[in-house]
Amino acid sequence: MTPSIWQLLIVLVIVLLLFGRGKIPQLMGDMAKGIKSFKRGMSDEEKKDENIEKKIDEDK
């Protein structure tokens, strides 16, 4: 069963009432910063792994 347009509108109104119009963009901005930080951390780990592999190959 898919939600109807009225159900979606009611949920949207409730969310706007709870968080306010100004708070939602701030929450989305914080979420975007968290995602960027996570991606940066993942790429740093890959670089560390590559450096470790290079050092192991050089030692052989």
Protein backbone atom coordinates (compact mmCIF):
# COMPACT_ATOMS: atom_id res chain seq x y z
CA MET A 1 0.00 0.00 0.00
CA THR A 2 1.51 3.32 -1.06
CA PRO A 3 0.83 6.52 0.87
CA SER A 4 -1.59 8.92 -0.75
CA ILE A 5 -0.81 12.57 -1.46
CA TRP A 6 -2.89 13.63 1.56
CA GLN A 7 -0.93 11.40 3.90
CA LEU A 8 2.35 12.80 2.58
CA LEU A 9 1.09 16.37 3.01
CA ILE A 10 0.02 15.69 6.59
CA VAL A 11 3.44 14.24 7.41
CA LEU A 12 5.13 17.24 5.77
CA VAL A 13 3.04 19.69 7.79
CA ILE A 14 3.81 17.86 11.03
CA VAL A 15 7.55 17.86 10.26
CA LEU A 16 7.44 21.58 9.49
CA LEU A 17 5.58 22.28 12.72
CA LEU A 18 8.03 20.25 14.79
CA PHE A 19 11.27 21.50 13.30
CA GLY A 20 10.33 24.85 11.78
CA ARG A 21 11.26 26.12 8.36
CA GLY A 22 14.71 27.35 9.38
CA LYS A 23 15.76 24.21 11.21
CA ILE A 24 15.30 21.76 8.30
CA PRO A 25 17.98 23.33 6.02
CA GLN A 26 20.35 23.42 8.98
CA LEU A 27 19.75 19.71 9.63
CA MET A 28 20.36 18.90 5.96
CA GLY A 29 23.57 20.94 6.01
CA ASP A 30 24.79 19.07 9.07
CA MET A 31 23.96 15.76 7.37
CA ALA A 32 25.90 16.81 4.26
CA LYS A 33 28.93 17.71 6.40
CA GLY A 34 28.74 14.30 8.06
CA ILE A 35 28.63 12.52 4.71
CA LYS A 36 31.59 14.53 3.40
CA SER A 37 33.56 13.75 6.53
CA PHE A 38 32.77 10.05 6.20
CA LYS A 39 33.88 10.00 2.55
CA ARG A 40 37.08 11.87 3.44
CA GLY A 41 37.80 9.34 6.18
CA MET A 42 37.24 6.44 3.80
CA SER A 43 39.61 7.90 1.20
CA ASP A 44 42.24 8.52 3.91
CA GLU A 45 42.01 4.86 4.94
CA GLU A 46 42.46 3.75 1.31
CA LYS A 47 45.55 5.94 1.01
CA LYS A 48 46.98 4.46 4.21
CA ASP A 49 46.35 0.95 2.90
CA GLU A 50 48.08 1.78 -0.40
CA ASN A 51 51.09 3.23 1.47
CA ILE A 52 51.36 0.11 3.62
CA GLU A 53 51.20 -2.12 0.53
CA LYS A 54 53.95 -0.06 -1.16
CA LYS A 55 56.19 -0.35 1.90
CA ILE A 56 55.66 -4.11 2.03
CA ASP A 57 56.50 -4.43 -1.68
CA GLU A 58 59.64 -2.30 -1.22
CA ASP A 59 60.83 -4.46 1.67
CA LYS A 60 60.68 -7.62 -0.43
